[in-house]
Amino acid sequence: MFEQLLIPTAETSPRNSSSFVRPRKGVIIGAGQVGMACAYSLLIQNCLDEMVLQDIAMEKVEGEVMDLMHGVPFVEPTLVRAGTLADAGRDADLVIITAGASQKPGETRLNLLQRNVEIFKHLVGDLVKYCPRAIVLVVSNPVDILTYVTLKLSGLERSRVLGSGTVLDTARFRHLLAEQLRIAPRNIHAYIIGEHGDSEVAVWSHANIAGMPLIEGVAASDRAEIARLSQQVKNAAYEIIQRKGYTSYAIGLGVTEIVRSILRDRASILTVSSLIDNLYGLEDVCLSLPAVVDRHGVQRIVNLSLSEAEEQQLQHSALVLREAIAQLAL
């Protein structure tokens, strides 16, 4: 009805012409607290041209889409739609999976395992069928095991299936150190590796500011403080869940950092979860190590020279995950 208001010119190229650049398209499966935190963060940081939200609660998804779209006039334009991989989500560049049962107060991430594996069995088939070229980012917990499940069920190249891993744990680690040192978290280089969970490993041997190792400036009498900080990082999610029932904002921002590195080909080093083989004595397990993330997914793993204790802890973390994986019927 408004066609007469906009007059086409001879220079205007049709959208299906060869000169048209294909929009960046992403699907978020799961419109719960985490999924919507991811959607909001991706929207306001202009990461996608088209965003599709999928959830079994279709009416809720439609409401979320309306709410987001009403805010688009305040940000860079993004088309937000409700749909599924089979319709609106076809041929997406990126699929983010946040669907699954939520973690209950006092429940470990590994206890979520079997409930969420069954959900993934239904999702992965559609993902491969309708988005064969997509990079898949798993956020649902237990993220390392579900990343492994997604990789094995999909048959996709290992570089194209990654999990959010310990990106958030690493951010928590840097935040706590920044509070202690009274400097900006971005100026602290420190990693949490291994499982995103109770067996995660704080890599103190490589924690540094301006190239100066932090561990060298810590007196033996303060080693208890190191242990306390490591434990505080590990228990952060449990404490937040105890207080508000779930975590959402920080993981939404963490996922956005991963997405920006993929879609903008940044080659950032992030502690995402990916398949590890023949490194530190680990075989056939998905866990987090600092990795180079670009438009192809996970391209390279940083070969950290870990201390003997850290390497033993990493191997224990892998063992915890392998034992859980062994219980699965994939």
C-alpha atoms as a PDB file:
ATOM      1  CA  MET A   1       0.000   0.000   0.000  1.00  0.00           C
ATOM      2  CA  PHE A   2       3.038   2.293   0.392  1.00  0.00           C
ATOM      3  CA  GLU A   3       4.731   1.488  -2.929  1.00  0.00           C
ATOM      4  CA  GLN A   4       4.068   4.938  -4.391  1.00  0.00           C
ATOM      5  CA  LEU A   5       6.077   6.569  -1.605  1.00  0.00           C
ATOM      6  CA  LEU A   6       9.378   5.020  -2.706  1.00  0.00           C
ATOM      7  CA  ILE A   7      10.323   5.387  -6.350  1.00  0.00           C
ATOM      8  CA  PRO A   8      12.998   2.959  -7.639  1.00  0.00           C
ATOM      9  CA  THR A   9      15.938   4.344  -9.622  1.00  0.00           C
ATOM     10  CA  ALA A  10      17.831   2.814 -12.528  1.00  0.00           C
ATOM     11  CA  GLU A  11      20.841   2.373 -10.239  1.00  0.00           C
ATOM     12  CA  THR A  12      18.916   0.321  -7.686  1.00  0.00           C
ATOM     13  CA  SER A  13      20.065  -3.306  -7.790  1.00  0.00           C
ATOM     14  CA  PRO A  14      17.532  -6.045  -7.064  1.00  0.00           C
ATOM     15  CA  ARG A  15      18.266  -8.014  -3.914  1.00  0.00           C
ATOM     16  CA  ASN A  16      18.762 -11.223  -5.877  1.00  0.00           C
ATOM     17  CA  SER A  17      21.482  -9.765  -8.096  1.00  0.00           C
ATOM     18  CA  SER A  18      25.025 -11.128  -8.034  1.00  0.00           C
ATOM     19  CA  SER A  19      26.272  -7.878  -6.472  1.00  0.00           C
ATOM     20  CA  PHE A  20      24.132  -8.372  -3.377  1.00  0.00           C
ATOM     21  CA  VAL A  21      26.094  -9.385  -0.278  1.00  0.00           C
ATOM     22  CA  ARG A  22      24.482 -12.292   1.557  1.00  0.00           C
ATOM     23  CA  PRO A  23      23.229 -11.231   5.004  1.00  0.00           C
ATOM     24  CA  ARG A  24      24.767 -12.723   8.132  1.00  0.00           C
ATOM     25  CA  LYS A  25      22.125 -15.107   9.426  1.00  0.00           C
ATOM     26  CA  GLY A  26      21.993 -16.824  12.804  1.00  0.00           C
ATOM     27  CA  VAL A  27      19.580 -19.133  14.586  1.00  0.00           C
ATOM     28  CA  ILE A  28      19.225 -19.317  18.362  1.00  0.00           C
ATOM     29  CA  ILE A  29      17.597 -22.554  19.488  1.00  0.00           C
ATOM     30  CA  GLY A  30      16.111 -22.034  22.934  1.00  0.00           C
ATOM     31  CA  ALA A  31      14.356 -18.844  24.036  1.00  0.00           C
ATOM     32  CA  GLY A  32      14.896 -19.208  27.772  1.00  0.00           C
ATOM     33  CA  GLN A  33      16.872 -16.815  29.965  1.00  0.00           C
ATOM     34  CA  VAL A  34      20.216 -17.665  28.352  1.00  0.00           C
ATOM     35  CA  GLY A  35      18.900 -17.724  24.788  1.00  0.00           C
ATOM     36  CA  MET A  36      17.254 -14.337  25.157  1.00  0.00           C
ATOM     37  CA  ALA A  37      20.328 -12.831  26.843  1.00  0.00           C
ATOM     38  CA  CYS A  38      22.308 -13.991  23.797  1.00  0.00           C
ATOM     39  CA  ALA A  39      19.686 -12.605  21.416  1.00  0.00           C
ATOM     40  CA  TYR A  40      19.602  -9.207  23.116  1.00  0.00           C
ATOM     41  CA  SER A  41      23.388  -8.910  23.283  1.00  0.00           C
ATOM     42  CA  LEU A  42      23.797  -9.937  19.628  1.00  0.00           C
ATOM     43  CA  LEU A  43      21.106  -7.465  18.599  1.00  0.00           C
ATOM     44  CA  ILE A  44      22.489  -4.396  20.350  1.00  0.00           C
ATOM     45  CA  GLN A  45      26.040  -5.174  19.173  1.00  0.00           C
ATOM     46  CA  ASN A  46      24.950  -5.489  15.522  1.00  0.00           C
ATOM     47  CA  CYS A  47      26.323  -8.989  15.011  1.00  0.00           C
ATOM     48  CA  LEU A  48      23.689 -10.346  12.621  1.00  0.00           C
ATOM     49  CA  ASP A  49      21.568  -9.095   9.739  1.00  0.00           C
ATOM     50  CA  GLU A  50      18.935 -11.753  10.379  1.00  0.00           C
ATOM     51  CA  MET A  51      18.203 -13.560  13.646  1.00  0.00           C
ATOM     52  CA  VAL A  52      15.805 -16.490  13.962  1.00  0.00           C
ATOM     53  CA  LEU A  53      14.548 -17.650  17.371  1.00  0.00           C
ATOM     54  CA  GLN A  54      13.365 -21.242  17.787  1.00  0.00           C
ATOM     55  CA  ASP A  55      11.679 -22.759  20.820  1.00  0.00           C
ATOM     56  CA  ILE A  56       8.956 -25.301  21.519  1.00  0.00           C
ATOM     57  CA  ALA A  57       7.012 -22.516  23.283  1.00  0.00           C
ATOM     58  CA  MET A  58       6.025 -20.753  20.045  1.00  0.00           C
ATOM     59  CA  GLU A  59       3.764 -18.152  21.614  1.00  0.00           C
ATOM     60  CA  LYS A  60       6.549 -17.043  23.942  1.00  0.00           C
ATOM     61  CA  VAL A  61       8.967 -16.836  21.012  1.00  0.00           C
ATOM     62  CA  GLU A  62       6.550 -14.673  19.058  1.00  0.00           C
ATOM     63  CA  GLY A  63       6.281 -12.327  22.026  1.00  0.00           C
ATOM     64  CA  GLU A  64      10.057 -12.158  22.404  1.00  0.00           C
ATOM     65  CA  VAL A  65      10.437 -11.370  18.700  1.00  0.00           C
ATOM     66  CA  MET A  66       7.883  -8.567  18.893  1.00  0.00           C
ATOM     67  CA  ASP A  67       9.647  -7.103  21.938  1.00  0.00           C
ATOM     68  CA  LEU A  68      13.044  -7.175  20.243  1.00  0.00           C
ATOM     69  CA  MET A  69      11.763  -5.801  16.941  1.00  0.00           C
ATOM     70  CA  HIS A  70      10.148  -2.841  18.689  1.00  0.00           C
ATOM     71  CA  GLY A  71      13.627  -1.870  19.864  1.00  0.00           C
ATOM     72  CA  VAL A  72      15.309  -2.142  16.456  1.00  0.00           C
ATOM     73  CA  PRO A  73      14.709   1.567  15.648  1.00  0.00           C
ATOM     74  CA  PHE A  74      17.184   2.335  18.459  1.00  0.00           C
ATOM     75  CA  VAL A  75      19.996   0.126  17.079  1.00  0.00           C
ATOM     76  CA  GLU A  76      21.469  -0.982  13.762  1.00  0.00           C
ATOM     77  CA  PRO A  77      18.780  -2.776  11.696  1.00  0.00           C
ATOM     78  CA  THR A  78      18.382  -6.507  12.253  1.00  0.00           C
ATOM     79  CA  LEU A  79      15.524  -8.681  11.064  1.00  0.00           C
ATOM     80  CA  VAL A  80      14.324 -10.822  13.981  1.00  0.00           C
ATOM     81  CA  ARG A  81      11.931 -13.677  13.255  1.00  0.00           C
ATOM     82  CA  ALA A  82      10.330 -16.642  14.997  1.00  0.00           C
ATOM     83  CA  GLY A  83      10.793 -19.916  13.171  1.00  0.00           C
ATOM     84  CA  THR A  84      12.662 -23.200  12.990  1.00  0.00           C
ATOM     85  CA  LEU A  85      15.690 -24.612  11.233  1.00  0.00           C
ATOM     86  CA  ALA A  86      13.317 -26.137   8.695  1.00  0.00           C
ATOM     87  CA  ASP A  87      11.768 -22.821   7.619  1.00  0.00           C
ATOM     88  CA  ALA A  88      13.069 -19.358   8.557  1.00  0.00           C
ATOM     89  CA  GLY A  89      16.390 -20.766   9.766  1.00  0.00           C
ATOM     90  CA  ARG A  90      17.419 -22.551   6.576  1.00  0.00           C
ATOM     91  CA  ASP A  91      21.003 -22.016   5.397  1.00  0.00           C
ATOM     92  CA  ALA A  92      22.044 -20.061   8.490  1.00  0.00           C
ATOM     93  CA  ASP A  93      25.700 -19.141   8.865  1.00  0.00           C
ATOM     94  CA  LEU A  94      25.618 -19.820  12.594  1.00  0.00           C
ATOM     95  CA  VAL A  95      23.446 -21.946  14.889  1.00  0.00           C
ATOM     96  CA  ILE A  96      23.578 -21.271  18.617  1.00  0.00           C
ATOM     97  CA  ILE A  97      22.066 -23.949  20.861  1.00  0.00           C
ATOM     98  CA  THR A  98      20.912 -22.849  24.303  1.00  0.00           C
ATOM     99  CA  ALA A  99      17.986 -25.275  24.564  1.00  0.00           C
ATOM    100  CA  GLY A 100      17.775 -27.804  27.340  1.00  0.00           C
ATOM    101  CA  ALA A 101      16.703 -28.409  30.865  1.00  0.00           C
ATOM    102  CA  SER A 102      17.785 -25.650  33.236  1.00  0.00           C
ATOM    103  CA  GLN A 103      20.179 -26.197  36.115  1.00  0.00           C
ATOM    104  CA  LYS A 104      18.476 -26.449  39.496  1.00  0.00           C
ATOM    105  CA  PRO A 105      19.901 -25.006  42.739  1.00  0.00           C
ATOM    106  CA  GLY A 106      22.543 -27.406  44.054  1.00  0.00           C
ATOM    107  CA  GLU A 107      22.576 -29.458  40.855  1.00  0.00           C
ATOM    108  CA  THR A 108      25.922 -29.996  39.112  1.00  0.00           C
ATOM    109  CA  ARG A 109      26.227 -29.450  35.380  1.00  0.00           C
ATOM    110  CA  LEU A 110      26.978 -33.127  34.844  1.00  0.00           C
ATOM    111  CA  ASN A 111      23.673 -34.096  36.457  1.00  0.00           C
ATOM    112  CA  LEU A 112      21.927 -32.357  33.559  1.00  0.00           C
ATOM    113  CA  LEU A 113      23.545 -34.745  31.127  1.00  0.00           C
ATOM    114  CA  GLN A 114      20.989 -37.362  30.201  1.00  0.00           C
ATOM    115  CA  ARG A 115      18.035 -34.976  30.139  1.00  0.00           C
ATOM    116  CA  ASN A 116      19.774 -32.715  27.662  1.00  0.00           C
ATOM    117  CA  VAL A 117      21.282 -35.415  25.450  1.00  0.00           C
ATOM    118  CA  GLU A 118      17.781 -36.584  24.531  1.00  0.00           C
ATOM    119  CA  ILE A 119      16.844 -33.044  23.512  1.00  0.00           C
ATOM    120  CA  PHE A 120      19.945 -32.768  21.323  1.00  0.00           C
ATOM    121  CA  LYS A 121      19.205 -35.981  19.461  1.00  0.00           C
ATOM    122  CA  HIS A 122      16.133 -34.287  17.986  1.00  0.00           C
ATOM    123  CA  LEU A 123      17.898 -31.010  17.178  1.00  0.00           C
ATOM    124  CA  VAL A 124      21.081 -32.166  15.468  1.00  0.00           C
ATOM    125  CA  GLY A 125      19.381 -34.016  12.605  1.00  0.00           C
ATOM    126  CA  ASP A 126      17.505 -30.877  11.560  1.00  0.00           C
ATOM    127  CA  LEU A 127      20.639 -28.802  11.964  1.00  0.00           C
ATOM    128  CA  VAL A 128      22.632 -30.922   9.498  1.00  0.00           C
ATOM    129  CA  LYS A 129      19.719 -31.181   7.049  1.00  0.00           C
ATOM    130  CA  TYR A 130      18.739 -27.528   6.862  1.00  0.00           C
ATOM    131  CA  CYS A 131      21.965 -25.667   7.769  1.00  0.00           C
ATOM    132  CA  PRO A 132      24.729 -27.832   6.274  1.00  0.00           C
ATOM    133  CA  ARG A 133      27.280 -24.996   6.083  1.00  0.00           C
ATOM    134  CA  ALA A 134      26.681 -23.518   9.533  1.00  0.00           C
ATOM    135  CA  ILE A 135      29.136 -23.207  12.369  1.00  0.00           C
ATOM    136  CA  VAL A 136      27.516 -24.636  15.502  1.00  0.00           C
ATOM    137  CA  LEU A 137      28.008 -23.015  18.899  1.00  0.00           C
ATOM    138  CA  VAL A 138      26.754 -25.057  21.864  1.00  0.00           C
ATOM    139  CA  VAL A 139      25.920 -23.157  25.058  1.00  0.00           C
ATOM    140  CA  SER A 140      23.623 -25.634  26.871  1.00  0.00           C
ATOM    141  CA  ASN A 141      25.069 -27.412  29.903  1.00  0.00           C
ATOM    142  CA  PRO A 142      26.959 -29.614  30.446  1.00  0.00           C
ATOM    143  CA  VAL A 143      28.512 -27.766  27.532  1.00  0.00           C
ATOM    144  CA  ASP A 144      31.619 -29.914  26.954  1.00  0.00           C
ATOM    145  CA  ILE A 145      29.666 -33.149  26.754  1.00  0.00           C
ATOM    146  CA  LEU A 146      26.909 -31.634  24.619  1.00  0.00           C
ATOM    147  CA  THR A 147      29.537 -30.185  22.279  1.00  0.00           C
ATOM    148  CA  TYR A 148      30.959 -33.709  21.936  1.00  0.00           C
ATOM    149  CA  VAL A 149      27.440 -35.127  21.412  1.00  0.00           C
ATOM    150  CA  THR A 150      26.708 -32.528  18.726  1.00  0.00           C
ATOM    151  CA  LEU A 151      29.991 -33.258  16.941  1.00  0.00           C
ATOM    152  CA  LYS A 152      29.456 -37.021  16.929  1.00  0.00           C
ATOM    153  CA  LEU A 153      25.768 -36.912  15.963  1.00  0.00           C
ATOM    154  CA  SER A 154      26.271 -34.317  13.236  1.00  0.00           C
ATOM    155  CA  GLY A 155      29.362 -35.708  11.536  1.00  0.00           C
ATOM    156  CA  LEU A 156      30.473 -32.125  10.852  1.00  0.00           C
ATOM    157  CA  GLU A 157      34.123 -31.092  10.684  1.00  0.00           C
ATOM    158  CA  ARG A 158      35.587 -30.679  14.150  1.00  0.00           C
ATOM    159  CA  SER A 159      36.435 -27.015  13.493  1.00  0.00           C
ATOM    160  CA  ARG A 160      32.760 -26.153  12.915  1.00  0.00           C
ATOM    161  CA  VAL A 161      31.417 -27.482  16.235  1.00  0.00           C
ATOM    162  CA  LEU A 162      32.447 -25.616  19.356  1.00  0.00           C
ATOM    163  CA  GLY A 163      31.082 -24.878  22.788  1.00  0.00           C
ATOM    164  CA  SER A 164      31.087 -21.724  24.897  1.00  0.00           C
ATOM    165  CA  GLY A 165      33.360 -23.707  27.203  1.00  0.00           C
ATOM    166  CA  THR A 166      35.197 -21.731  29.871  1.00  0.00           C
ATOM    167  CA  VAL A 167      34.889 -18.337  28.161  1.00  0.00           C
ATOM    168  CA  LEU A 168      32.706 -17.200  31.049  1.00  0.00           C
ATOM    169  CA  ASP A 169      34.889 -18.849  33.713  1.00  0.00           C
ATOM    170  CA  THR A 170      37.908 -17.091  32.230  1.00  0.00           C
ATOM    171  CA  ALA A 171      36.036 -13.774  32.401  1.00  0.00           C
ATOM    172  CA  ARG A 172      35.145 -14.439  36.049  1.00  0.00           C
ATOM    173  CA  PHE A 173      38.773 -15.253  36.791  1.00  0.00           C
ATOM    174  CA  ARG A 174      39.958 -11.999  35.227  1.00  0.00           C
ATOM    175  CA  HIS A 175      37.239 -10.036  37.012  1.00  0.00           C
ATOM    176  CA  LEU A 176      38.271 -11.335  40.435  1.00  0.00           C
ATOM    177  CA  LEU A 177      41.948 -10.691  39.747  1.00  0.00           C
ATOM    178  CA  ALA A 178      41.101  -7.200  38.503  1.00  0.00           C
ATOM    179  CA  GLU A 179      39.298  -6.467  41.772  1.00  0.00           C
ATOM    180  CA  GLN A 180      42.334  -7.583  43.745  1.00  0.00           C
ATOM    181  CA  LEU A 181      44.799  -5.611  41.603  1.00  0.00           C
ATOM    182  CA  ARG A 182      42.544  -2.599  40.941  1.00  0.00           C
ATOM    183  CA  ILE A 183      43.153  -2.614  37.198  1.00  0.00           C
ATOM    184  CA  ALA A 184      40.906  -3.193  34.170  1.00  0.00           C
ATOM    185  CA  PRO A 185      40.019  -6.872  33.540  1.00  0.00           C
ATOM    186  CA  ARG A 186      41.003  -6.544  29.860  1.00  0.00           C
ATOM    187  CA  ASN A 187      44.585  -5.896  30.949  1.00  0.00           C
ATOM    188  CA  ILE A 188      44.824  -9.210  32.780  1.00  0.00           C
ATOM    189  CA  HIS A 189      45.767 -12.328  30.827  1.00  0.00           C
ATOM    190  CA  ALA A 190      44.634 -15.455  32.627  1.00  0.00           C
ATOM    191  CA  TYR A 191      42.772 -18.604  31.602  1.00  0.00           C
ATOM    192  CA  ILE A 192      40.476 -21.248  33.006  1.00  0.00           C
ATOM    193  CA  ILE A 193      40.801 -24.485  31.003  1.00  0.00           C
ATOM    194  CA  GLY A 194      39.341 -27.994  31.041  1.00  0.00           C
ATOM    195  CA  GLU A 195      35.732 -28.741  31.897  1.00  0.00           C
ATOM    196  CA  HIS A 196      33.239 -25.923  32.289  1.00  0.00           C
ATOM    197  CA  GLY A 197      32.409 -27.228  35.719  1.00  0.00           C
ATOM    198  CA  ASP A 198      33.766 -28.618  38.955  1.00  0.00           C
ATOM    199  CA  SER A 199      37.038 -30.004  37.524  1.00  0.00           C
ATOM    200  CA  GLU A 200      38.068 -26.818  35.696  1.00  0.00           C
ATOM    201  CA  VAL A 201      41.690 -25.690  35.974  1.00  0.00           C
ATOM    202  CA  ALA A 202      42.960 -22.186  36.750  1.00  0.00           C
ATOM    203  CA  VAL A 203      46.204 -21.674  34.802  1.00  0.00           C
ATOM    204  CA  TRP A 204      48.107 -19.615  37.356  1.00  0.00           C
ATOM    205  CA  SER A 205      51.440 -20.368  35.679  1.00  0.00           C
ATOM    206  CA  HIS A 206      50.485 -18.113  32.735  1.00  0.00           C
ATOM    207  CA  ALA A 207      48.438 -15.449  34.546  1.00  0.00           C
ATOM    208  CA  ASN A 208      50.125 -12.095  33.933  1.00  0.00           C
ATOM    209  CA  ILE A 209      49.760  -8.332  33.677  1.00  0.00           C
ATOM    210  CA  ALA A 210      51.962  -6.449  31.197  1.00  0.00           C
ATOM    211  CA  GLY A 211      53.904  -9.680  30.723  1.00  0.00           C
ATOM    212  CA  MET A 212      54.688  -9.944  34.442  1.00  0.00           C
ATOM    213  CA  PRO A 213      53.707 -13.362  35.888  1.00  0.00           C
ATOM    214  CA  LEU A 214      51.335 -12.921  38.823  1.00  0.00           C
ATOM    215  CA  ILE A 215      52.431 -16.077  40.583  1.00  0.00           C
ATOM    216  CA  GLU A 216      55.994 -14.806  40.969  1.00  0.00           C
ATOM    217  CA  GLY A 217      54.786 -11.857  43.010  1.00  0.00           C
ATOM    218  CA  VAL A 218      52.806 -14.001  45.465  1.00  0.00           C
ATOM    219  CA  ALA A 219      54.429 -14.967  48.745  1.00  0.00           C
ATOM    220  CA  ALA A 220      54.156 -18.555  49.952  1.00  0.00           C
ATOM    221  CA  SER A 221      51.968 -17.347  52.814  1.00  0.00           C
ATOM    222  CA  ASP A 222      49.423 -16.055  50.281  1.00  0.00           C
ATOM    223  CA  ARG A 223      48.977 -19.336  48.412  1.00  0.00           C
ATOM    224  CA  ALA A 224      45.764 -19.913  50.364  1.00  0.00           C
ATOM    225  CA  GLU A 225      44.384 -16.805  48.679  1.00  0.00           C
ATOM    226  CA  ILE A 226      45.168 -18.327  45.289  1.00  0.00           C
ATOM    227  CA  ALA A 227      43.196 -21.431  46.210  1.00  0.00           C
ATOM    228  CA  ARG A 228      40.311 -19.260  47.459  1.00  0.00           C
ATOM    229  CA  LEU A 229      40.138 -17.283  44.213  1.00  0.00           C
ATOM    230  CA  SER A 230      40.181 -20.469  42.125  1.00  0.00           C
ATOM    231  CA  GLN A 231      37.339 -21.882  44.207  1.00  0.00           C
ATOM    232  CA  GLN A 232      35.403 -18.631  43.933  1.00  0.00           C
ATOM    233  CA  VAL A 233      35.549 -18.823  40.134  1.00  0.00           C
ATOM    234  CA  LYS A 234      34.425 -22.454  40.206  1.00  0.00           C
ATOM    235  CA  ASN A 235      31.473 -21.762  42.503  1.00  0.00           C
ATOM    236  CA  ALA A 236      30.316 -18.495  40.918  1.00  0.00           C
ATOM    237  CA  ALA A 237      27.495 -20.042  38.890  1.00  0.00           C
ATOM    238  CA  TYR A 238      26.171 -21.980  41.882  1.00  0.00           C
ATOM    239  CA  GLU A 239      26.069 -18.809  43.962  1.00  0.00           C
ATOM    240  CA  ILE A 240      24.233 -16.855  41.263  1.00  0.00           C
ATOM    241  CA  ILE A 241      21.730 -19.678  40.741  1.00  0.00           C
ATOM    242  CA  GLN A 242      21.148 -19.849  44.494  1.00  0.00           C
ATOM    243  CA  ARG A 243      20.306 -16.136  44.521  1.00  0.00           C
ATOM    244  CA  LYS A 244      18.398 -15.529  41.269  1.00  0.00           C
ATOM    245  CA  GLY A 245      17.693 -19.002  39.900  1.00  0.00           C
ATOM    246  CA  TYR A 246      19.816 -18.854  36.739  1.00  0.00           C
ATOM    247  CA  THR A 247      22.744 -17.136  35.035  1.00  0.00           C
ATOM    248  CA  SER A 248      22.173 -15.176  31.828  1.00  0.00           C
ATOM    249  CA  TYR A 249      23.719 -11.741  31.232  1.00  0.00           C
ATOM    250  CA  ALA A 250      27.408 -12.659  31.366  1.00  0.00           C
ATOM    251  CA  ILE A 251      27.052 -15.768  29.214  1.00  0.00           C
ATOM    252  CA  GLY A 252      25.061 -13.711  26.696  1.00  0.00           C
ATOM    253  CA  LEU A 253      27.988 -11.310  26.437  1.00  0.00           C
ATOM    254  CA  GLY A 254      30.466 -14.187  26.258  1.00  0.00           C
ATOM    255  CA  VAL A 255      28.560 -15.819  23.404  1.00  0.00           C
ATOM    256  CA  THR A 256      28.531 -12.479  21.576  1.00  0.00           C
ATOM    257  CA  GLU A 257      32.316 -12.290  21.858  1.00  0.00           C
ATOM    258  CA  ILE A 258      32.597 -15.732  20.248  1.00  0.00           C
ATOM    259  CA  VAL A 259      30.104 -14.844  17.505  1.00  0.00           C
ATOM    260  CA  ARG A 260      31.913 -11.610  16.655  1.00  0.00           C
ATOM    261  CA  SER A 261      35.184 -13.495  16.330  1.00  0.00           C
ATOM    262  CA  ILE A 262      33.534 -15.958  13.936  1.00  0.00           C
ATOM    263  CA  LEU A 263      31.485 -13.606  11.763  1.00  0.00           C
ATOM    264  CA  ARG A 264      34.122 -10.860  11.641  1.00  0.00           C
ATOM    265  CA  ASP A 265      37.002 -13.314  11.149  1.00  0.00           C
ATOM    266  CA  ARG A 266      38.899 -11.845  14.093  1.00  0.00           C
ATOM    267  CA  ALA A 267      41.064 -14.882  14.888  1.00  0.00           C
ATOM    268  CA  SER A 268      40.637 -14.114  18.608  1.00  0.00           C
ATOM    269  CA  ILE A 269      42.061 -16.429  21.253  1.00  0.00           C
ATOM    270  CA  LEU A 270      39.160 -17.689  23.361  1.00  0.00           C
ATOM    271  CA  THR A 271      38.788 -20.610  25.765  1.00  0.00           C
ATOM    272  CA  VAL A 272      36.061 -22.358  23.798  1.00  0.00           C
ATOM    273  CA  SER A 273      35.338 -26.063  24.036  1.00  0.00           C
ATOM    274  CA  SER A 274      36.410 -28.165  21.047  1.00  0.00           C
ATOM    275  CA  LEU A 275      37.586 -31.673  20.240  1.00  0.00           C
ATOM    276  CA  ILE A 276      41.047 -32.362  21.674  1.00  0.00           C
ATOM    277  CA  ASP A 277      43.165 -35.239  20.431  1.00  0.00           C
ATOM    278  CA  ASN A 278      46.840 -36.032  21.059  1.00  0.00           C
ATOM    279  CA  LEU A 279      47.537 -33.021  23.223  1.00  0.00           C
ATOM    280  CA  TYR A 280      48.600 -33.246  26.886  1.00  0.00           C
ATOM    281  CA  GLY A 281      47.890 -36.964  26.607  1.00  0.00           C
ATOM    282  CA  LEU A 282      44.186 -36.294  25.958  1.00  0.00           C
ATOM    283  CA  GLU A 283      42.161 -38.227  23.404  1.00  0.00           C
ATOM    284  CA  ASP A 284      38.668 -37.862  21.932  1.00  0.00           C
ATOM    285  CA  VAL A 285      37.220 -35.363  24.375  1.00  0.00           C
ATOM    286  CA  CYS A 286      35.788 -31.856  24.100  1.00  0.00           C
ATOM    287  CA  LEU A 287      37.057 -29.362  26.650  1.00  0.00           C
ATOM    288  CA  SER A 288      38.427 -25.837  26.777  1.00  0.00           C
ATOM    289  CA  LEU A 289      41.893 -24.658  25.867  1.00  0.00           C
ATOM    290  CA  PRO A 290      42.868 -21.258  24.444  1.00  0.00           C
ATOM    291  CA  ALA A 291      41.954 -21.517  20.756  1.00  0.00           C
ATOM    292  CA  VAL A 292      42.072 -19.319  17.658  1.00  0.00           C
ATOM    293  CA  VAL A 293      38.464 -18.666  16.584  1.00  0.00           C
ATOM    294  CA  ASP A 294      37.729 -17.217  13.129  1.00  0.00           C
ATOM    295  CA  ARG A 295      35.222 -17.532  10.278  1.00  0.00           C
ATOM    296  CA  HIS A 296      36.071 -21.238   9.928  1.00  0.00           C
ATOM    297  CA  GLY A 297      35.418 -21.968  13.611  1.00  0.00           C
ATOM    298  CA  VAL A 298      38.231 -23.355  15.759  1.00  0.00           C
ATOM    299  CA  GLN A 299      41.327 -23.307  13.590  1.00  0.00           C
ATOM    300  CA  ARG A 300      44.224 -23.754  16.031  1.00  0.00           C
ATOM    301  CA  ILE A 301      44.817 -24.618  19.695  1.00  0.00           C
ATOM    302  CA  VAL A 302      47.384 -22.713  21.753  1.00  0.00           C
ATOM    303  CA  ASN A 303      49.936 -25.218  23.069  1.00  0.00           C
ATOM    304  CA  LEU A 304      50.391 -23.871  26.597  1.00  0.00           C
ATOM    305  CA  SER A 305      53.399 -25.044  28.576  1.00  0.00           C
ATOM    306  CA  LEU A 306      51.497 -26.063  31.703  1.00  0.00           C
ATOM    307  CA  SER A 307      53.047 -26.795  35.071  1.00  0.00           C
ATOM    308  CA  GLU A 308      53.130 -30.426  36.098  1.00  0.00           C
ATOM    309  CA  ALA A 309      50.275 -29.883  38.567  1.00  0.00           C
ATOM    310  CA  GLU A 310      48.149 -28.060  35.981  1.00  0.00           C
ATOM    311  CA  GLU A 311      48.657 -30.791  33.397  1.00  0.00           C
ATOM    312  CA  GLN A 312      47.620 -33.434  35.936  1.00  0.00           C
ATOM    313  CA  GLN A 313      44.524 -31.410  36.805  1.00  0.00           C
ATOM    314  CA  LEU A 314      43.678 -31.067  33.097  1.00  0.00           C
ATOM    315  CA  GLN A 315      44.011 -34.811  32.597  1.00  0.00           C
ATOM    316  CA  HIS A 316      41.712 -35.361  35.587  1.00  0.00           C
ATOM    317  CA  SER A 317      39.196 -32.932  34.065  1.00  0.00           C
ATOM    318  CA  ALA A 318      39.288 -34.893  30.806  1.00  0.00           C
ATOM    319  CA  LEU A 319      38.824 -38.152  32.725  1.00  0.00           C
ATOM    320  CA  VAL A 320      35.694 -36.767  34.421  1.00  0.00           C
ATOM    321  CA  LEU A 321      34.253 -35.890  31.015  1.00  0.00           C
ATOM    322  CA  ARG A 322      35.292 -39.170  29.370  1.00  0.00           C
ATOM    323  CA  GLU A 323      33.632 -41.158  32.168  1.00  0.00           C
ATOM    324  CA  ALA A 324      30.411 -39.208  31.662  1.00  0.00           C
ATOM    325  CA  ILE A 325      30.564 -39.651  27.877  1.00  0.00           C
ATOM    326  CA  ALA A 326      31.069 -43.403  28.316  1.00  0.00           C
ATOM    327  CA  GLN A 327      27.622 -43.594  29.932  1.00  0.00           C
ATOM    328  CA  LEU A 328      25.894 -42.186  26.847  1.00  0.00           C
ATOM    329  CA  ALA A 329      24.083 -44.154  24.184  1.00  0.00           C
ATOM    330  CA  LEU A 330      24.762 -42.010  21.119  1.00  0.00           C
END
